[in-house]
Amino acid sequence: MGKKRISSAEVAAKAGVSSMTVSRVLRGENTVRKETRDRVIAIMMDLGYVPSAAAQALRSNDGKKSASAGLFALIFGSGTESSVTFFHAITRGVERVAREFDLCPLQISLYENPQELWLRLQGLFSIHDLAGALLVGSFDPEIVTFIKDNVKNIVIVDGPAPIGEGIGSVESGNLEGSVMALDYLINAGCRRIKVITVEREHYFAKAMETAASVKRSAEVEIGVHYDCHSCEDAMNMVREAWEKGDRFDGLFTNDDFAIGALKAFRELHIRVPDMVRIVGFDDILYSAFTDPPLTSVHIDQYLLGEEAVRTLVSISRSGEKAKDIKKVIRPSMVIRESA
């Protein structure tokens, strides 16, 4: 990387604490006062500190190849908790192909608390010679920069790679699939369509909004509603809208949220698909077992994970440039009774 490694002594000196206190903070010991802990972590973040002790423990006594050579990071970004089943299937695909290449993923999920996140990443990057990192979902630019400073080979999975960063990507066809879903509802006769999605800045929400803007017309009204993060959120959003007189005859959202919406409609005695048609996105395992079974945009989640590992291997072992590898897993429609 060519970057000077910051020592724990430098962190301790700047924080005005002992090196032992820095070690205790890293180990998560509760003997350090909160204000001291917060100050130490803030300085670590400012300096870009990554401990090296774990790497030394992984090395053999004779200095031969590090035990970490077959390891790579599998890091889940913000928003991935909104569709747990979808991202679990990606993990299975990752593990299946990783075995073929004698690789093993080290999986972590990002925390909303930036200090906890920093500690987790520090522990991960203290392992030298990682084969690379798969970043699944959405990441803040500064987090991507920090990861890139510590891991040479990076592939973004199910999210767009930052422009000009030299990072590979394996994406879902989110925009194509969203247009497909709205087309299906419109062709089925829906004229007032509600789209429920995650936070506005999320790449999936942007794809849904773009699709909605393309498909709106004088005859078709499409409203996009943001900041849904769970089945329960979706259930409450649908119930509140209907109780306030906000009527719609079509709903497009991801499968997890669609399950919550189905519960709301059932409690409101709104018949699906007679009164409202629903199309989901992801085609998760449970979509075929809802009542009624859910029409959904299918994305091959296993293939996303498999291609992510193959891409990482191409970059790390074949010397292929990451910026030259941009793969898109194209969607298809699975028609069931909800639409």
C-alpha atoms as a PDB file:
ATOM      1  CA  MET A   1       0.000   0.000   0.000  1.00  0.00           C
ATOM      2  CA  GLY A   2       2.997   2.272   0.589  1.00  0.00           C
ATOM      3  CA  LYS A   3       1.303   3.899   3.541  1.00  0.00           C
ATOM      4  CA  LYS A   4       3.070   4.425   6.873  1.00  0.00           C
ATOM      5  CA  ARG A   5       1.507   2.287   9.583  1.00  0.00           C
ATOM      6  CA  ILE A   6       0.454   4.260  12.652  1.00  0.00           C
ATOM      7  CA  SER A   7       1.599   2.740  15.948  1.00  0.00           C
ATOM      8  CA  SER A   8      -0.464   2.325  19.102  1.00  0.00           C
ATOM      9  CA  ALA A   9       2.141   4.476  20.875  1.00  0.00           C
ATOM     10  CA  GLU A  10       1.295   7.374  18.552  1.00  0.00           C
ATOM     11  CA  VAL A  11      -2.408   6.935  19.297  1.00  0.00           C
ATOM     12  CA  ALA A  12      -1.709   6.802  23.022  1.00  0.00           C
ATOM     13  CA  ALA A  13       0.484   9.922  22.922  1.00  0.00           C
ATOM     14  CA  LYS A  14      -2.090  11.967  21.056  1.00  0.00           C
ATOM     15  CA  ALA A  15      -4.898  10.758  23.351  1.00  0.00           C
ATOM     16  CA  GLY A  16      -2.860  11.366  26.504  1.00  0.00           C
ATOM     17  CA  VAL A  17      -3.266   7.776  27.686  1.00  0.00           C
ATOM     18  CA  SER A  18      -1.057   4.722  28.052  1.00  0.00           C
ATOM     19  CA  SER A  19      -0.562   2.098  25.332  1.00  0.00           C
ATOM     20  CA  MET A  20      -2.288  -0.367  27.677  1.00  0.00           C
ATOM     21  CA  THR A  21      -5.407   1.826  27.630  1.00  0.00           C
ATOM     22  CA  VAL A  22      -5.352   1.781  23.826  1.00  0.00           C
ATOM     23  CA  SER A  23      -5.164  -2.025  23.946  1.00  0.00           C
ATOM     24  CA  ARG A  24      -8.078  -2.187  26.377  1.00  0.00           C
ATOM     25  CA  VAL A  25     -10.186  -0.018  24.080  1.00  0.00           C
ATOM     26  CA  LEU A  26      -9.396  -2.327  21.171  1.00  0.00           C
ATOM     27  CA  ARG A  27     -10.396  -5.383  23.213  1.00  0.00           C
ATOM     28  CA  GLY A  28     -13.668  -3.708  24.233  1.00  0.00           C
ATOM     29  CA  GLU A  29     -12.932  -3.923  27.949  1.00  0.00           C
ATOM     30  CA  ASN A  30     -15.397  -2.049  30.168  1.00  0.00           C
ATOM     31  CA  THR A  31     -12.659  -0.845  32.519  1.00  0.00           C
ATOM     32  CA  VAL A  32     -12.044   2.234  30.330  1.00  0.00           C
ATOM     33  CA  ARG A  33     -14.235   5.259  31.015  1.00  0.00           C
ATOM     34  CA  LYS A  34     -16.615   6.159  28.194  1.00  0.00           C
ATOM     35  CA  GLU A  35     -15.149   9.623  27.598  1.00  0.00           C
ATOM     36  CA  THR A  36     -11.634   8.149  27.415  1.00  0.00           C
ATOM     37  CA  ARG A  37     -12.786   5.377  25.104  1.00  0.00           C
ATOM     38  CA  ASP A  38     -14.555   7.855  22.818  1.00  0.00           C
ATOM     39  CA  ARG A  39     -11.464  10.079  22.674  1.00  0.00           C
ATOM     40  CA  VAL A  40      -9.152   7.172  21.845  1.00  0.00           C
ATOM     41  CA  ILE A  41     -11.447   5.886  19.093  1.00  0.00           C
ATOM     42  CA  ALA A  42     -11.829   9.384  17.621  1.00  0.00           C
ATOM     43  CA  ILE A  43      -8.028   9.683  17.408  1.00  0.00           C
ATOM     44  CA  MET A  44      -7.738   6.208  15.852  1.00  0.00           C
ATOM     45  CA  MET A  45     -10.255   7.260  13.215  1.00  0.00           C
ATOM     46  CA  ASP A  46      -8.444  10.534  12.608  1.00  0.00           C
ATOM     47  CA  LEU A  47      -5.057   8.835  12.199  1.00  0.00           C
ATOM     48  CA  GLY A  48      -6.369   5.837  10.251  1.00  0.00           C
ATOM     49  CA  TYR A  49      -4.893   3.490  12.845  1.00  0.00           C
ATOM     50  CA  VAL A  50      -5.009  -0.278  12.252  1.00  0.00           C
ATOM     51  CA  PRO A  51      -3.421  -2.621  14.853  1.00  0.00           C
ATOM     52  CA  SER A  52      -0.933  -5.239  13.724  1.00  0.00           C
ATOM     53  CA  ALA A  53      -0.859  -7.631  16.677  1.00  0.00           C
ATOM     54  CA  ALA A  54      -3.421 -10.011  15.191  1.00  0.00           C
ATOM     55  CA  ALA A  55      -1.371 -10.331  12.035  1.00  0.00           C
ATOM     56  CA  GLN A  56       1.699 -11.363  14.002  1.00  0.00           C
ATOM     57  CA  ALA A  57      -0.326 -14.036  15.799  1.00  0.00           C
ATOM     58  CA  LEU A  58      -1.411 -15.492  12.463  1.00  0.00           C
ATOM     59  CA  ARG A  59       2.121 -15.847  11.140  1.00  0.00           C
ATOM     60  CA  SER A  60       4.034 -19.080  11.574  1.00  0.00           C
ATOM     61  CA  ASN A  61       7.205 -19.168  13.685  1.00  0.00           C
ATOM     62  CA  ASP A  62       9.482 -19.677  10.705  1.00  0.00           C
ATOM     63  CA  GLY A  63       8.110 -16.629   8.899  1.00  0.00           C
ATOM     64  CA  LYS A  64       6.587 -18.567   6.045  1.00  0.00           C
ATOM     65  CA  LYS A  65       3.383 -17.684   4.299  1.00  0.00           C
ATOM     66  CA  SER A  66       0.727 -16.028   6.470  1.00  0.00           C
ATOM     67  CA  ALA A  67      -2.242 -18.142   7.489  1.00  0.00           C
ATOM     68  CA  SER A  68      -4.411 -15.274   6.251  1.00  0.00           C
ATOM     69  CA  ALA A  69      -3.483 -15.775   2.590  1.00  0.00           C
ATOM     70  CA  GLY A  70      -6.703 -17.690   1.909  1.00  0.00           C
ATOM     71  CA  LEU A  71      -8.960 -15.212   3.701  1.00  0.00           C
ATOM     72  CA  PHE A  72     -11.067 -12.420   2.278  1.00  0.00           C
ATOM     73  CA  ALA A  73     -13.484  -9.976   3.871  1.00  0.00           C
ATOM     74  CA  LEU A  74     -17.239 -10.169   3.258  1.00  0.00           C
ATOM     75  CA  ILE A  75     -18.633  -6.870   4.536  1.00  0.00           C
ATOM     76  CA  PHE A  76     -22.340  -6.011   4.553  1.00  0.00           C
ATOM     77  CA  GLY A  77     -23.188  -2.322   4.290  1.00  0.00           C
ATOM     78  CA  SER A  78     -26.072  -0.232   5.531  1.00  0.00           C
ATOM     79  CA  GLY A  79     -29.523  -1.160   4.267  1.00  0.00           C
ATOM     80  CA  THR A  80     -28.774  -4.863   3.893  1.00  0.00           C
ATOM     81  CA  GLU A  81     -30.849  -5.547   7.007  1.00  0.00           C
ATOM     82  CA  SER A  82     -33.929  -4.500   5.007  1.00  0.00           C
ATOM     83  CA  SER A  83     -33.880  -7.747   3.026  1.00  0.00           C
ATOM     84  CA  VAL A  84     -32.180 -10.358   5.175  1.00  0.00           C
ATOM     85  CA  THR A  85     -33.264 -13.361   3.083  1.00  0.00           C
ATOM     86  CA  PHE A  86     -31.917 -11.827  -0.128  1.00  0.00           C
ATOM     87  CA  PHE A  87     -28.478 -11.132   1.310  1.00  0.00           C
ATOM     88  CA  HIS A  88     -28.324 -14.492   3.081  1.00  0.00           C
ATOM     89  CA  ALA A  89     -28.637 -16.139  -0.339  1.00  0.00           C
ATOM     90  CA  ILE A  90     -25.771 -13.977  -1.640  1.00  0.00           C
ATOM     91  CA  THR A  91     -23.672 -15.254   1.276  1.00  0.00           C
ATOM     92  CA  ARG A  92     -24.441 -18.848   0.322  1.00  0.00           C
ATOM     93  CA  GLY A  93     -23.318 -18.149  -3.240  1.00  0.00           C
ATOM     94  CA  VAL A  94     -20.121 -16.546  -1.956  1.00  0.00           C
ATOM     95  CA  GLU A  95     -19.318 -19.538   0.257  1.00  0.00           C
ATOM     96  CA  ARG A  96     -20.056 -22.067  -2.470  1.00  0.00           C
ATOM     97  CA  VAL A  97     -17.543 -20.621  -4.948  1.00  0.00           C
ATOM     98  CA  ALA A  98     -15.019 -19.638  -2.262  1.00  0.00           C
ATOM     99  CA  ARG A  99     -14.565 -23.336  -1.482  1.00  0.00           C
ATOM    100  CA  GLU A 100     -13.624 -23.976  -5.122  1.00  0.00           C
ATOM    101  CA  PHE A 101     -10.718 -21.531  -4.805  1.00  0.00           C
ATOM    102  CA  ASP A 102      -9.645 -22.582  -1.290  1.00  0.00           C
ATOM    103  CA  LEU A 103     -10.769 -19.240   0.093  1.00  0.00           C
ATOM    104  CA  CYS A 104     -12.650 -18.474   3.287  1.00  0.00           C
ATOM    105  CA  PRO A 105     -14.789 -15.357   3.903  1.00  0.00           C
ATOM    106  CA  LEU A 106     -14.564 -13.358   7.129  1.00  0.00           C
ATOM    107  CA  GLN A 107     -18.027 -11.847   7.453  1.00  0.00           C
ATOM    108  CA  ILE A 108     -18.976  -8.665   9.298  1.00  0.00           C
ATOM    109  CA  SER A 109     -22.002  -6.382   9.209  1.00  0.00           C
ATOM    110  CA  LEU A 110     -21.572  -2.638   9.490  1.00  0.00           C
ATOM    111  CA  TYR A 111     -22.899  -0.923  12.596  1.00  0.00           C
ATOM    112  CA  GLU A 112     -24.818   2.344  12.557  1.00  0.00           C
ATOM    113  CA  ASN A 113     -22.522   3.551  15.351  1.00  0.00           C
ATOM    114  CA  PRO A 114     -19.378   4.799  13.524  1.00  0.00           C
ATOM    115  CA  GLN A 115     -17.126   4.012  16.486  1.00  0.00           C
ATOM    116  CA  GLU A 116     -18.240   0.381  16.636  1.00  0.00           C
ATOM    117  CA  LEU A 117     -17.820   0.157  12.881  1.00  0.00           C
ATOM    118  CA  TRP A 118     -14.301   1.510  13.097  1.00  0.00           C
ATOM    119  CA  LEU A 119     -13.311  -1.020  15.744  1.00  0.00           C
ATOM    120  CA  ARG A 120     -14.684  -3.898  13.681  1.00  0.00           C
ATOM    121  CA  LEU A 121     -12.812  -2.776  10.576  1.00  0.00           C
ATOM    122  CA  GLN A 122      -9.626  -2.267  12.566  1.00  0.00           C
ATOM    123  CA  GLY A 123      -9.763  -5.841  13.806  1.00  0.00           C
ATOM    124  CA  LEU A 124     -10.370  -7.103  10.290  1.00  0.00           C
ATOM    125  CA  PHE A 125      -7.591  -5.125   8.640  1.00  0.00           C
ATOM    126  CA  SER A 126      -5.036  -6.071  11.284  1.00  0.00           C
ATOM    127  CA  ILE A 127      -4.928  -9.383   9.395  1.00  0.00           C
ATOM    128  CA  HIS A 128      -2.228  -8.957   6.771  1.00  0.00           C
ATOM    129  CA  ASP A 129      -2.368 -10.364   3.249  1.00  0.00           C
ATOM    130  CA  LEU A 130      -6.139 -10.586   2.888  1.00  0.00           C
ATOM    131  CA  ALA A 131      -6.990 -11.767  -0.620  1.00  0.00           C
ATOM    132  CA  GLY A 132      -9.459  -8.896  -0.911  1.00  0.00           C
ATOM    133  CA  ALA A 133     -12.870  -7.665   0.185  1.00  0.00           C
ATOM    134  CA  LEU A 134     -16.421  -8.004  -1.084  1.00  0.00           C
ATOM    135  CA  LEU A 135     -18.531  -4.987  -0.101  1.00  0.00           C
ATOM    136  CA  VAL A 136     -22.189  -5.974  -0.239  1.00  0.00           C
ATOM    137  CA  GLY A 137     -24.763  -3.184  -0.423  1.00  0.00           C
ATOM    138  CA  SER A 138     -24.399   0.535   0.276  1.00  0.00           C
ATOM    139  CA  PHE A 139     -21.316   2.232   1.755  1.00  0.00           C
ATOM    140  CA  ASP A 140     -20.395   5.815   2.572  1.00  0.00           C
ATOM    141  CA  PRO A 141     -17.515   7.061   0.382  1.00  0.00           C
ATOM    142  CA  GLU A 142     -15.190   7.577   3.359  1.00  0.00           C
ATOM    143  CA  ILE A 143     -15.701   3.954   4.436  1.00  0.00           C
ATOM    144  CA  VAL A 144     -14.873   2.738   0.917  1.00  0.00           C
ATOM    145  CA  THR A 145     -11.726   4.898   0.986  1.00  0.00           C
ATOM    146  CA  PHE A 146     -10.657   3.467   4.347  1.00  0.00           C
ATOM    147  CA  ILE A 147     -11.240  -0.092   3.164  1.00  0.00           C
ATOM    148  CA  LYS A 148      -9.360   0.594  -0.076  1.00  0.00           C
ATOM    149  CA  ASP A 149      -6.401   1.950   1.919  1.00  0.00           C
ATOM    150  CA  ASN A 150      -6.133  -1.381   3.731  1.00  0.00           C
ATOM    151  CA  VAL A 151      -7.218  -4.007   1.193  1.00  0.00           C
ATOM    152  CA  LYS A 152      -5.828  -4.086  -2.317  1.00  0.00           C
ATOM    153  CA  ASN A 153      -8.589  -5.948  -4.179  1.00  0.00           C
ATOM    154  CA  ILE A 154     -12.201  -4.802  -3.785  1.00  0.00           C
ATOM    155  CA  VAL A 155     -15.467  -5.810  -5.449  1.00  0.00           C
ATOM    156  CA  ILE A 156     -18.785  -4.077  -4.802  1.00  0.00           C
ATOM    157  CA  VAL A 157     -21.722  -6.515  -4.775  1.00  0.00           C
ATOM    158  CA  ASP A 158     -25.331  -5.514  -5.509  1.00  0.00           C
ATOM    159  CA  GLY A 159     -24.387  -1.859  -5.573  1.00  0.00           C
ATOM    160  CA  PRO A 160     -22.681   0.501  -8.023  1.00  0.00           C
ATOM    161  CA  ALA A 161     -18.922   0.901  -7.691  1.00  0.00           C
ATOM    162  CA  PRO A 162     -17.658   4.453  -7.073  1.00  0.00           C
ATOM    163  CA  ILE A 163     -16.677   6.163 -10.323  1.00  0.00           C
ATOM    164  CA  GLY A 164     -12.947   6.313 -10.914  1.00  0.00           C
ATOM    165  CA  GLU A 165     -12.030   4.223  -7.885  1.00  0.00           C
ATOM    166  CA  GLY A 166     -10.636   1.204  -9.718  1.00  0.00           C
ATOM    167  CA  ILE A 167     -13.090  -1.113  -7.949  1.00  0.00           C
ATOM    168  CA  GLY A 168     -14.854  -4.048  -9.589  1.00  0.00           C
ATOM    169  CA  SER A 169     -18.608  -4.543  -9.303  1.00  0.00           C
ATOM    170  CA  VAL A 170     -21.274  -7.215  -9.660  1.00  0.00           C
ATOM    171  CA  GLU A 171     -24.655  -5.479  -9.692  1.00  0.00           C
ATOM    172  CA  SER A 172     -28.304  -6.466  -9.756  1.00  0.00           C
ATOM    173  CA  GLY A 173     -30.302  -5.090 -12.664  1.00  0.00           C
ATOM    174  CA  ASN A 174     -32.286  -2.888 -10.285  1.00  0.00           C
ATOM    175  CA  LEU A 175     -33.412  -0.288 -12.812  1.00  0.00           C
ATOM    176  CA  GLU A 176     -34.330  -2.824 -15.480  1.00  0.00           C
ATOM    177  CA  GLY A 177     -36.229  -4.894 -12.905  1.00  0.00           C
ATOM    178  CA  SER A 178     -38.081  -1.856 -11.523  1.00  0.00           C
ATOM    179  CA  VAL A 179     -39.221  -0.836 -14.991  1.00  0.00           C
ATOM    180  CA  MET A 180     -40.300  -4.435 -15.592  1.00  0.00           C
ATOM    181  CA  ALA A 181     -42.383  -4.466 -12.397  1.00  0.00           C
ATOM    182  CA  LEU A 182     -44.129  -1.165 -13.137  1.00  0.00           C
ATOM    183  CA  ASP A 183     -44.800  -2.222 -16.719  1.00  0.00           C
ATOM    184  CA  TYR A 184     -46.461  -5.364 -15.417  1.00  0.00           C
ATOM    185  CA  LEU A 185     -48.735  -3.433 -13.038  1.00  0.00           C
ATOM    186  CA  ILE A 186     -49.659  -0.886 -15.713  1.00  0.00           C
ATOM    187  CA  ASN A 187     -50.417  -3.597 -18.266  1.00  0.00           C
ATOM    188  CA  ALA A 188     -52.584  -5.293 -15.615  1.00  0.00           C
ATOM    189  CA  GLY A 189     -54.717  -2.119 -15.440  1.00  0.00           C
ATOM    190  CA  CYS A 190     -53.235  -0.290 -12.426  1.00  0.00           C
ATOM    191  CA  ARG A 191     -53.465   3.500 -12.664  1.00  0.00           C
ATOM    192  CA  ARG A 192     -52.604   4.626  -9.106  1.00  0.00           C
ATOM    193  CA  ILE A 193     -49.413   2.881  -8.063  1.00  0.00           C
ATOM    194  CA  LYS A 194     -47.551   3.230  -4.762  1.00  0.00           C
ATOM    195  CA  VAL A 195     -43.838   2.422  -4.548  1.00  0.00           C
ATOM    196  CA  ILE A 196     -42.423   1.739  -1.069  1.00  0.00           C
ATOM    197  CA  THR A 197     -38.653   1.731  -0.665  1.00  0.00           C
ATOM    198  CA  VAL A 198     -35.716   2.435   1.646  1.00  0.00           C
ATOM    199  CA  GLU A 199     -33.955   5.767   2.266  1.00  0.00           C
ATOM    200  CA  ARG A 200     -33.892   8.180  -0.671  1.00  0.00           C
ATOM    201  CA  GLU A 201     -30.095   8.057  -1.219  1.00  0.00           C
ATOM    202  CA  HIS A 202     -29.899   4.261  -1.391  1.00  0.00           C
ATOM    203  CA  TYR A 203     -28.993   2.900  -4.829  1.00  0.00           C
ATOM    204  CA  PHE A 204     -32.097   0.663  -4.927  1.00  0.00           C
ATOM    205  CA  ALA A 205     -34.401   3.561  -4.041  1.00  0.00           C
ATOM    206  CA  LYS A 206     -32.799   5.627  -6.791  1.00  0.00           C
ATOM    207  CA  ALA A 207     -33.449   2.870  -9.318  1.00  0.00           C
ATOM    208  CA  MET A 208     -37.104   2.646  -8.265  1.00  0.00           C
ATOM    209  CA  GLU A 209     -37.533   6.427  -8.459  1.00  0.00           C
ATOM    210  CA  THR A 210     -35.949   6.536 -11.913  1.00  0.00           C
ATOM    211  CA  ALA A 211     -38.253   3.767 -13.096  1.00  0.00           C
ATOM    212  CA  ALA A 212     -41.261   5.626 -11.637  1.00  0.00           C
ATOM    213  CA  SER A 213     -40.290   8.835 -13.432  1.00  0.00           C
ATOM    214  CA  VAL A 214     -40.031   6.928 -16.717  1.00  0.00           C
ATOM    215  CA  LYS A 215     -43.423   5.255 -16.307  1.00  0.00           C
ATOM    216  CA  ARG A 216     -45.501   8.172 -14.965  1.00  0.00           C
ATOM    217  CA  SER A 217     -47.961   9.606 -17.455  1.00  0.00           C
ATOM    218  CA  ALA A 218     -51.202  11.559 -17.655  1.00  0.00           C
ATOM    219  CA  GLU A 219     -53.012   8.245 -17.194  1.00  0.00           C
ATOM    220  CA  VAL A 220     -50.742   6.621 -14.596  1.00  0.00           C
ATOM    221  CA  GLU A 221     -49.948   8.143 -11.195  1.00  0.00           C
ATOM    222  CA  ILE A 222     -46.928   6.687  -9.395  1.00  0.00           C
ATOM    223  CA  GLY A 223     -45.943   7.867  -5.901  1.00  0.00           C
ATOM    224  CA  VAL A 224     -42.654   6.872  -4.274  1.00  0.00           C
ATOM    225  CA  HIS A 225     -42.581   6.607  -0.460  1.00  0.00           C
ATOM    226  CA  TYR A 226     -39.218   6.390   1.309  1.00  0.00           C
ATOM    227  CA  ASP A 227     -37.690   5.381   4.643  1.00  0.00           C
ATOM    228  CA  CYS A 228     -39.179   1.917   4.974  1.00  0.00           C
ATOM    229  CA  HIS A 229     -36.794  -0.465   6.738  1.00  0.00           C
ATOM    230  CA  SER A 230     -38.803  -3.545   7.731  1.00  0.00           C
ATOM    231  CA  CYS A 231     -41.940  -5.616   7.144  1.00  0.00           C
ATOM    232  CA  GLU A 232     -43.502  -3.828  10.090  1.00  0.00           C
ATOM    233  CA  ASP A 233     -42.727  -0.405   8.597  1.00  0.00           C
ATOM    234  CA  ALA A 234     -44.346  -1.427   5.328  1.00  0.00           C
ATOM    235  CA  MET A 235     -47.393  -2.818   7.113  1.00  0.00           C
ATOM    236  CA  ASN A 236     -47.844   0.440   9.032  1.00  0.00           C
ATOM    237  CA  MET A 237     -47.290   2.620   5.960  1.00  0.00           C
ATOM    238  CA  VAL A 238     -49.945   0.757   3.981  1.00  0.00           C
ATOM    239  CA  ARG A 239     -52.407   0.756   6.860  1.00  0.00           C
ATOM    240  CA  GLU A 240     -51.953   4.473   7.584  1.00  0.00           C
ATOM    241  CA  ALA A 241     -52.252   5.425   3.919  1.00  0.00           C
ATOM    242  CA  TRP A 242     -55.440   3.440   3.459  1.00  0.00           C
ATOM    243  CA  GLU A 243     -57.001   4.718   6.669  1.00  0.00           C
ATOM    244  CA  LYS A 244     -56.291   8.307   5.548  1.00  0.00           C
ATOM    245  CA  GLY A 245     -58.104   7.710   2.272  1.00  0.00           C
ATOM    246  CA  ASP A 246     -54.996   7.342   0.119  1.00  0.00           C
ATOM    247  CA  ARG A 247     -56.285   4.785  -2.358  1.00  0.00           C
ATOM    248  CA  PHE A 248     -54.097   2.930  -4.830  1.00  0.00           C
ATOM    249  CA  ASP A 249     -54.618  -0.113  -7.020  1.00  0.00           C
ATOM    250  CA  GLY A 250     -50.985  -1.204  -7.450  1.00  0.00           C
ATOM    251  CA  LEU A 251     -48.042  -1.618  -5.090  1.00  0.00           C
ATOM    252  CA  PHE A 252     -44.387  -2.159  -5.953  1.00  0.00           C
ATOM    253  CA  THR A 253     -41.791  -2.811  -3.236  1.00  0.00           C
ATOM    254  CA  ASN A 254     -39.229  -5.437  -2.266  1.00  0.00           C
ATOM    255  CA  ASP A 255     -40.458  -8.862  -1.172  1.00  0.00           C
ATOM    256  CA  ASP A 256     -39.819  -8.364   2.552  1.00  0.00           C
ATOM    257  CA  PHE A 257     -41.876  -5.168   2.573  1.00  0.00           C
ATOM    258  CA  ALA A 258     -44.539  -6.767   0.373  1.00  0.00           C
ATOM    259  CA  ILE A 259     -45.081  -9.426   3.049  1.00  0.00           C
ATOM    260  CA  GLY A 260     -45.799  -6.653   5.574  1.00  0.00           C
ATOM    261  CA  ALA A 261     -48.120  -4.969   3.077  1.00  0.00           C
ATOM    262  CA  LEU A 262     -50.048  -8.207   2.568  1.00  0.00           C
ATOM    263  CA  LYS A 263     -50.664  -8.419   6.300  1.00  0.00           C
ATOM    264  CA  ALA A 264     -51.979  -4.858   6.350  1.00  0.00           C
ATOM    265  CA  PHE A 265     -54.346  -5.516   3.446  1.00  0.00           C
ATOM    266  CA  ARG A 266     -55.620  -8.676   5.089  1.00  0.00           C
ATOM    267  CA  GLU A 267     -56.374  -6.790   8.322  1.00  0.00           C
ATOM    268  CA  LEU A 268     -58.053  -3.992   6.314  1.00  0.00           C
ATOM    269  CA  HIS A 269     -60.137  -6.584   4.381  1.00  0.00           C
ATOM    270  CA  ILE A 270     -58.611  -5.366   1.103  1.00  0.00           C
ATOM    271  CA  ARG A 271     -58.571  -8.225  -1.363  1.00  0.00           C
ATOM    272  CA  VAL A 272     -55.342  -8.920  -3.268  1.00  0.00           C
ATOM    273  CA  PRO A 273     -55.278  -8.926  -6.290  1.00  0.00           C
ATOM    274  CA  ASP A 274     -58.953  -7.990  -6.773  1.00  0.00           C
ATOM    275  CA  MET A 275     -58.593  -4.509  -5.241  1.00  0.00           C
ATOM    276  CA  VAL A 276     -54.816  -4.043  -5.177  1.00  0.00           C
ATOM    277  CA  ARG A 277     -52.158  -5.809  -7.219  1.00  0.00           C
ATOM    278  CA  ILE A 278     -48.710  -6.296  -5.697  1.00  0.00           C
ATOM    279  CA  VAL A 279     -45.327  -6.885  -7.344  1.00  0.00           C
ATOM    280  CA  GLY A 280     -42.253  -7.500  -5.208  1.00  0.00           C
ATOM    281  CA  PHE A 281     -38.551  -7.445  -5.969  1.00  0.00           C
ATOM    282  CA  ASP A 282     -35.905 -10.117  -5.184  1.00  0.00           C
ATOM    283  CA  ASP A 283     -38.064 -13.278  -5.417  1.00  0.00           C
ATOM    284  CA  ILE A 284     -36.935 -14.490  -2.000  1.00  0.00           C
ATOM    285  CA  LEU A 285     -37.732 -18.038  -0.863  1.00  0.00           C
ATOM    286  CA  TYR A 286     -40.907 -17.056   1.027  1.00  0.00           C
ATOM    287  CA  SER A 287     -42.496 -15.228  -1.915  1.00  0.00           C
ATOM    288  CA  ALA A 288     -44.095 -18.421  -3.187  1.00  0.00           C
ATOM    289  CA  PHE A 289     -45.641 -19.169   0.235  1.00  0.00           C
ATOM    290  CA  THR A 290     -47.467 -15.914   1.017  1.00  0.00           C
ATOM    291  CA  ASP A 291     -51.247 -15.629   0.711  1.00  0.00           C
ATOM    292  CA  PRO A 292     -51.665 -14.965  -2.146  1.00  0.00           C
ATOM    293  CA  PRO A 293     -48.271 -16.016  -3.532  1.00  0.00           C
ATOM    294  CA  LEU A 294     -46.226 -12.976  -4.520  1.00  0.00           C
ATOM    295  CA  THR A 295     -45.425 -11.954  -8.072  1.00  0.00           C
ATOM    296  CA  SER A 296     -41.824 -10.776  -7.977  1.00  0.00           C
ATOM    297  CA  VAL A 297     -38.843  -9.591  -9.975  1.00  0.00           C
ATOM    298  CA  HIS A 298     -36.325 -12.410  -9.775  1.00  0.00           C
ATOM    299  CA  ILE A 299     -32.636 -11.718  -9.172  1.00  0.00           C
ATOM    300  CA  ASP A 300     -30.350 -14.734  -8.979  1.00  0.00           C
ATOM    301  CA  GLN A 301     -28.913 -14.051  -5.525  1.00  0.00           C
ATOM    302  CA  TYR A 302     -26.657 -17.103  -5.559  1.00  0.00           C
ATOM    303  CA  LEU A 303     -25.190 -15.980  -8.873  1.00  0.00           C
ATOM    304  CA  LEU A 304     -24.502 -12.527  -7.422  1.00  0.00           C
ATOM    305  CA  GLY A 305     -22.409 -14.105  -4.684  1.00  0.00           C
ATOM    306  CA  GLU A 306     -20.719 -16.584  -7.003  1.00  0.00           C
ATOM    307  CA  GLU A 307     -19.732 -13.951  -9.567  1.00  0.00           C
ATOM    308  CA  ALA A 308     -18.459 -11.684  -6.804  1.00  0.00           C
ATOM    309  CA  VAL A 309     -15.907 -14.299  -5.722  1.00  0.00           C
ATOM    310  CA  ARG A 310     -14.927 -15.100  -9.323  1.00  0.00           C
ATOM    311  CA  THR A 311     -14.397 -11.393  -9.948  1.00  0.00           C
ATOM    312  CA  LEU A 312     -12.242 -11.064  -6.839  1.00  0.00           C
ATOM    313  CA  VAL A 313     -10.147 -14.030  -7.931  1.00  0.00           C
ATOM    314  CA  SER A 314      -9.736 -12.559 -11.425  1.00  0.00           C
ATOM    315  CA  ILE A 315      -8.445  -9.318  -9.943  1.00  0.00           C
ATOM    316  CA  SER A 316      -6.164 -10.842  -7.289  1.00  0.00           C
ATOM    317  CA  ARG A 317      -4.741 -13.833  -9.165  1.00  0.00           C
ATOM    318  CA  SER A 318      -4.892 -12.865 -12.819  1.00  0.00           C
ATOM    319  CA  GLY A 319      -3.844  -9.242 -12.494  1.00  0.00           C
ATOM    320  CA  GLU A 320      -6.987  -8.083 -14.284  1.00  0.00           C
ATOM    321  CA  LYS A 321      -7.816  -4.452 -13.592  1.00  0.00           C
ATOM    322  CA  ALA A 322     -10.758  -4.063 -11.242  1.00  0.00           C
ATOM    323  CA  LYS A 323     -12.113  -1.085 -13.160  1.00  0.00           C
ATOM    324  CA  ASP A 324     -12.493  -3.311 -16.233  1.00  0.00           C
ATOM    325  CA  ILE A 325     -14.835  -5.750 -14.468  1.00  0.00           C
ATOM    326  CA  LYS A 326     -18.431  -4.537 -14.282  1.00  0.00           C
ATOM    327  CA  LYS A 327     -21.019  -7.315 -14.259  1.00  0.00           C
ATOM    328  CA  VAL A 328     -24.808  -6.981 -14.125  1.00  0.00           C
ATOM    329  CA  ILE A 329     -27.099  -9.864 -13.145  1.00  0.00           C
ATOM    330  CA  ARG A 330     -30.199  -9.334 -15.260  1.00  0.00           C
ATOM    331  CA  PRO A 331     -33.703  -9.729 -13.777  1.00  0.00           C
ATOM    332  CA  SER A 332     -36.745 -11.731 -14.845  1.00  0.00           C
ATOM    333  CA  MET A 333     -40.391 -11.829 -13.735  1.00  0.00           C
ATOM    334  CA  VAL A 334     -41.952 -14.642 -11.717  1.00  0.00           C
ATOM    335  CA  ILE A 335     -45.717 -14.418 -12.092  1.00  0.00           C
ATOM    336  CA  ARG A 336     -47.883 -15.503  -9.160  1.00  0.00           C
ATOM    337  CA  GLU A 337     -51.359 -14.666  -7.855  1.00  0.00           C
ATOM    338  CA  SER A 338     -50.669 -11.303  -6.123  1.00  0.00           C
ATOM    339  CA  ALA A 339     -50.725  -9.442  -9.436  1.00  0.00           C
END
